[in-house]
Amino acid sequence: MEICIDSITSAKNAIKGGASRLEACSALSEDGLTPTPGLIRFIKNFTKVPVHAMIRIRSGNFVYTEEEKEAMLYDLQILDSVGADGFVFGALNPDFSVDEDICREVIKAAKSKPVTFHRAFDEVENPLVALEKIISLGFSRVLTSGQKNTAPEGLEMITQLVKVAGDRIVIMPGSGINPDNILQIKDATRAKEFHASAKIRVADYLNSTRDGKKPASFVMITSEEKVKQMINIIK
């Protein structure tokens, strides 16, 4: 059970809930960007749970300029130096095929550490062709919602990918997974790894607004209880 987090509080809650791996990001509201070195270092000092760092310099599409590619390779080196156990990356060409050149550079820069090809996969033109390229490049897993907005919607494609991949690469369903649907996804796809944020909305701070009636701000954080529930269900 991989839990994606973008804060220290969420990291602690995910670990207490029993997460077997963390995907560390910043800005999950933007579907996850590169985290700070400080976040990775704190988590590594706090736990032995593996932490994989997102390598994504900006929100938006996954077609990157040469300058963006250089910057992301530099970010990877820094996050590697502060203890990241693996990385999460994906890049596409303008024709929605896998950008093999930068992917090859990322795999090389990661050395022996595992790299997940993230949900850029859900935008590729031909998912089965892309899967073979991703396997040949040396990625460890693919995070996918089956080319739909959420994993429950993409069950048919995820199931096909799991079958085609066999034991060559891990197919990890993600997006929209929660305690209410994770068993259905597990049974339908036969996937063995799962990805979720397990988020809940909580008051960001307790100061009231001027009318004195409601919290001034809210934030989304990982729920320890939701993580526990999902782990208990898939076991």
Protein backbone atom coordinates (compact mmCIF):
# COMPACT_ATOMS: atom_id res chain seq x y z
CA MET A 1 0.00 0.00 0.00
CA GLU A 2 1.75 3.11 -1.28
CA ILE A 3 0.47 6.39 0.12
CA CYS A 4 1.21 9.69 -1.60
CA ILE A 5 1.90 12.56 0.79
CA ASP A 6 2.89 16.22 0.52
CA SER A 7 3.44 17.17 4.16
CA ILE A 8 5.12 15.97 7.34
CA THR A 9 1.74 15.48 9.01
CA SER A 10 0.50 13.29 6.17
CA ALA A 11 3.75 11.31 6.19
CA LYS A 12 3.41 10.60 9.91
CA ASN A 13 -0.23 9.58 9.54
CA ALA A 14 0.52 7.29 6.60
CA ILE A 15 3.34 5.58 8.50
CA LYS A 16 1.22 5.16 11.65
CA GLY A 17 -1.52 3.70 9.45
CA GLY A 18 0.85 1.03 8.16
CA ALA A 19 1.82 2.27 4.68
CA SER A 20 4.48 0.05 3.14
CA ARG A 21 5.86 2.85 0.95
CA LEU A 22 5.45 6.63 0.60
CA GLU A 23 5.39 8.69 -2.55
CA ALA A 24 6.63 12.10 -1.44
CA CYS A 25 5.47 15.12 -3.42
CA SER A 26 4.73 18.77 -3.06
CA ALA A 27 1.42 20.23 -4.24
CA LEU A 28 -0.84 17.20 -4.47
CA SER A 29 -3.52 19.71 -5.49
CA GLU A 30 -1.53 19.85 -8.77
CA ASP A 31 -1.31 16.04 -8.93
CA GLY A 32 2.12 16.11 -7.28
CA LEU A 33 5.32 18.03 -7.94
CA THR A 34 8.93 17.54 -6.81
CA PRO A 35 9.17 17.58 -2.99
CA THR A 36 11.68 19.58 -0.99
CA PRO A 37 14.89 17.91 0.20
CA GLY A 38 13.87 18.83 3.74
CA LEU A 39 10.69 16.75 3.52
CA ILE A 40 12.63 13.70 2.31
CA ARG A 41 15.29 14.09 4.97
CA PHE A 42 12.73 14.45 7.76
CA ILE A 43 10.85 11.33 6.68
CA LYS A 44 14.06 9.31 6.39
CA ASN A 45 15.04 10.38 9.92
CA PHE A 46 11.56 9.47 11.16
CA THR A 47 11.02 6.03 9.61
CA LYS A 48 12.55 3.12 7.71
CA VAL A 49 9.52 2.96 5.38
CA PRO A 50 10.80 3.44 1.79
CA VAL A 51 10.24 6.92 0.36
CA HIS A 52 10.00 7.48 -3.39
CA ALA A 53 10.31 11.08 -4.54
CA MET A 54 8.29 12.59 -7.35
CA ILE A 55 10.40 14.21 -10.06
CA ARG A 56 8.10 16.69 -11.77
CA ILE A 57 9.15 20.31 -12.11
CA ARG A 58 5.75 21.81 -12.93
CA SER A 59 2.07 21.08 -13.32
CA GLY A 60 0.45 20.62 -16.71
CA ASN A 61 1.51 18.29 -19.49
CA PHE A 62 4.43 15.86 -19.51
CA VAL A 63 6.25 17.21 -22.56
CA TYR A 64 9.36 18.92 -21.20
CA THR A 65 11.91 21.36 -22.59
CA GLU A 66 15.62 20.56 -22.47
CA GLU A 67 16.03 23.09 -19.65
CA GLU A 68 13.25 21.42 -17.64
CA LYS A 69 14.84 18.02 -18.17
CA GLU A 70 18.21 19.28 -16.91
CA ALA A 71 16.56 20.83 -13.86
CA MET A 72 14.73 17.59 -13.01
CA LEU A 73 17.92 15.54 -13.30
CA TYR A 74 19.55 17.98 -10.88
CA ASP A 75 16.59 17.67 -8.49
CA LEU A 76 16.92 13.88 -8.63
CA GLN A 77 20.59 14.08 -7.66
CA ILE A 78 19.79 16.27 -4.66
CA LEU A 79 16.92 14.06 -3.48
CA ASP A 80 19.11 11.00 -3.96
CA SER A 81 21.75 12.61 -1.73
CA VAL A 82 19.28 13.19 1.13
CA GLY A 83 18.09 9.59 1.15
CA ALA A 84 15.24 9.07 -1.31
CA ASP A 85 14.82 5.31 -1.81
CA GLY A 86 13.39 5.61 -5.31
CA PHE A 87 11.85 8.04 -7.77
CA VAL A 88 8.61 8.66 -9.65
CA PHE A 89 8.88 10.11 -13.14
CA GLY A 90 7.28 10.18 -16.56
CA ALA A 91 7.74 12.13 -19.76
CA LEU A 92 6.11 12.12 -23.17
CA ASN A 93 6.86 13.30 -26.69
CA PRO A 94 4.44 15.69 -28.43
CA ASP A 95 2.88 12.67 -30.20
CA PHE A 96 1.99 11.12 -26.80
CA SER A 97 4.62 8.42 -26.99
CA VAL A 98 7.12 7.78 -24.18
CA ASP A 99 10.10 10.16 -24.23
CA GLU A 100 12.70 7.42 -24.14
CA ASP A 101 15.74 9.72 -24.09
CA ILE A 102 14.97 11.55 -20.84
CA CYS A 103 13.55 8.39 -19.26
CA ARG A 104 16.82 6.62 -20.00
CA GLU A 105 18.75 9.49 -18.39
CA VAL A 106 16.55 9.38 -15.28
CA ILE A 107 16.97 5.61 -14.91
CA LYS A 108 20.74 6.05 -15.23
CA ALA A 109 20.82 8.91 -12.70
CA ALA A 110 18.78 6.86 -10.24
CA LYS A 111 21.54 4.22 -10.36
CA SER A 112 20.15 1.06 -8.80
CA LYS A 113 17.20 2.77 -7.12
CA PRO A 114 13.72 1.88 -8.48
CA VAL A 115 11.82 4.33 -10.66
CA THR A 116 8.05 4.32 -11.15
CA PHE A 117 6.58 5.62 -14.41
CA HIS A 118 3.74 7.81 -13.16
CA ARG A 119 0.32 8.68 -14.60
CA ALA A 120 1.80 10.30 -17.67
CA PHE A 121 1.14 6.74 -18.80
CA ASP A 122 -2.59 7.52 -18.85
CA GLU A 123 -2.01 10.01 -21.66
CA VAL A 124 -0.01 7.77 -24.02
CA GLU A 125 -1.49 7.05 -27.44
CA ASN A 126 -0.93 3.30 -27.33
CA PRO A 127 -0.72 1.91 -23.78
CA LEU A 128 0.48 -1.59 -24.72
CA VAL A 129 3.28 -0.25 -26.92
CA ALA A 130 4.19 2.24 -24.17
CA LEU A 131 4.23 -0.54 -21.58
CA GLU A 132 6.82 -2.50 -23.56
CA LYS A 133 9.00 0.59 -23.91
CA ILE A 134 8.75 1.33 -20.18
CA ILE A 135 9.74 -2.26 -19.36
CA SER A 136 12.70 -2.14 -21.76
CA LEU A 137 13.89 1.14 -20.23
CA GLY A 138 14.13 -0.45 -16.80
CA PHE A 139 11.29 1.09 -14.80
CA SER A 140 10.15 -0.88 -11.76
CA ARG A 141 6.43 -0.14 -11.92
CA VAL A 142 3.71 1.80 -13.69
CA LEU A 143 1.22 3.94 -11.77
CA THR A 144 -2.01 4.07 -13.76
CA SER A 145 -5.73 4.68 -13.60
CA GLY A 146 -6.23 2.67 -16.77
CA GLN A 147 -6.32 5.79 -18.97
CA LYS A 148 -9.46 7.01 -17.18
CA ASN A 149 -9.89 9.70 -14.54
CA THR A 150 -9.93 7.13 -11.73
CA ALA A 151 -8.84 3.53 -11.26
CA PRO A 152 -12.42 2.26 -10.72
CA GLU A 153 -13.30 3.68 -14.15
CA GLY A 154 -10.20 2.15 -15.74
CA LEU A 155 -10.55 -1.40 -14.41
CA GLU A 156 -10.69 -3.02 -17.84
CA MET A 157 -7.43 -1.47 -19.01
CA ILE A 158 -5.67 -2.05 -15.67
CA THR A 159 -6.68 -5.72 -15.77
CA GLN A 160 -5.28 -6.06 -19.29
CA LEU A 161 -2.03 -4.34 -18.29
CA VAL A 162 -1.56 -6.63 -15.28
CA LYS A 163 -1.98 -9.68 -17.53
CA VAL A 164 0.37 -8.41 -20.23
CA ALA A 165 3.00 -7.25 -17.75
CA GLY A 166 3.12 -10.53 -15.87
CA ASP A 167 6.12 -10.52 -13.56
CA ARG A 168 8.16 -8.18 -15.80
CA ILE A 169 6.96 -4.98 -14.10
CA VAL A 170 4.49 -3.99 -11.36
CA ILE A 171 1.21 -2.43 -12.49
CA MET A 172 -0.01 -0.26 -9.62
CA PRO A 173 -3.57 1.12 -9.77
CA GLY A 174 -3.98 4.65 -8.47
CA SER A 175 -6.45 7.58 -8.42
CA GLY A 176 -9.78 7.47 -6.67
CA ILE A 177 -8.90 4.43 -4.55
CA ASN A 178 -10.48 4.35 -1.09
CA PRO A 179 -11.70 1.84 1.52
CA ASP A 180 -15.02 1.49 -0.31
CA ASN A 181 -13.58 0.30 -3.63
CA ILE A 182 -10.09 -1.12 -3.05
CA LEU A 183 -11.30 -4.71 -2.68
CA GLN A 184 -13.24 -4.48 -5.95
CA ILE A 185 -10.13 -3.15 -7.69
CA LYS A 186 -7.94 -5.87 -6.18
CA ASP A 187 -10.33 -8.67 -7.15
CA ALA A 188 -10.96 -7.35 -10.67
CA THR A 189 -7.39 -6.54 -11.66
CA ARG A 190 -5.33 -8.99 -9.56
CA ALA A 191 -2.94 -6.12 -8.90
CA LYS A 192 -0.59 -6.60 -5.96
CA GLU A 193 0.32 -2.98 -5.21
CA PHE A 194 -2.01 -0.03 -4.73
CA HIS A 195 -1.61 3.74 -4.56
CA ALA A 196 -3.83 6.21 -2.70
CA SER A 197 -3.69 9.48 -0.79
CA ALA A 198 -6.27 8.52 1.89
CA LYS A 199 -7.02 12.19 2.39
CA ILE A 200 -9.53 13.90 4.62
CA ARG A 201 -10.41 17.59 4.95
CA VAL A 202 -9.54 19.17 8.27
CA ALA A 203 -9.39 22.68 9.71
CA ASP A 204 -6.01 24.21 8.94
CA TYR A 205 -6.02 26.29 12.11
CA LEU A 206 -8.50 27.06 14.85
CA ASN A 207 -8.75 30.83 14.57
CA SER A 208 -12.23 31.90 13.56
CA THR A 209 -13.21 34.20 10.74
CA ARG A 210 -14.47 37.64 11.66
CA ASP A 211 -18.01 36.42 12.18
CA GLY A 212 -16.67 33.98 14.76
CA LYS A 213 -18.68 31.06 13.38
CA LYS A 214 -16.47 28.90 11.19
CA PRO A 215 -12.82 27.84 10.75
CA ALA A 216 -10.83 30.23 8.63
CA SER A 217 -9.14 27.61 6.44
CA PHE A 218 -9.04 23.92 5.59
CA VAL A 219 -6.32 21.54 4.43
CA MET A 220 -6.27 17.99 3.03
CA ILE A 221 -4.16 15.50 4.98
CA THR A 222 -3.69 11.75 4.96
CA SER A 223 -5.98 9.88 7.36
CA GLU A 224 -4.24 7.26 9.51
CA GLU A 225 -7.57 5.45 9.86
CA LYS A 226 -8.22 5.30 6.10
CA VAL A 227 -4.76 3.84 5.52
CA LYS A 228 -5.39 1.19 8.17
CA GLN A 229 -8.77 0.34 6.64
CA MET A 230 -7.37 -0.16 3.15
CA ILE A 231 -4.48 -2.29 4.38
CA ASN A 232 -6.83 -4.49 6.41
CA ILE A 233 -9.11 -4.92 3.39
CA ILE A 234 -6.40 -5.98 0.93
CA LYS A 235 -4.86 -8.37 3.44
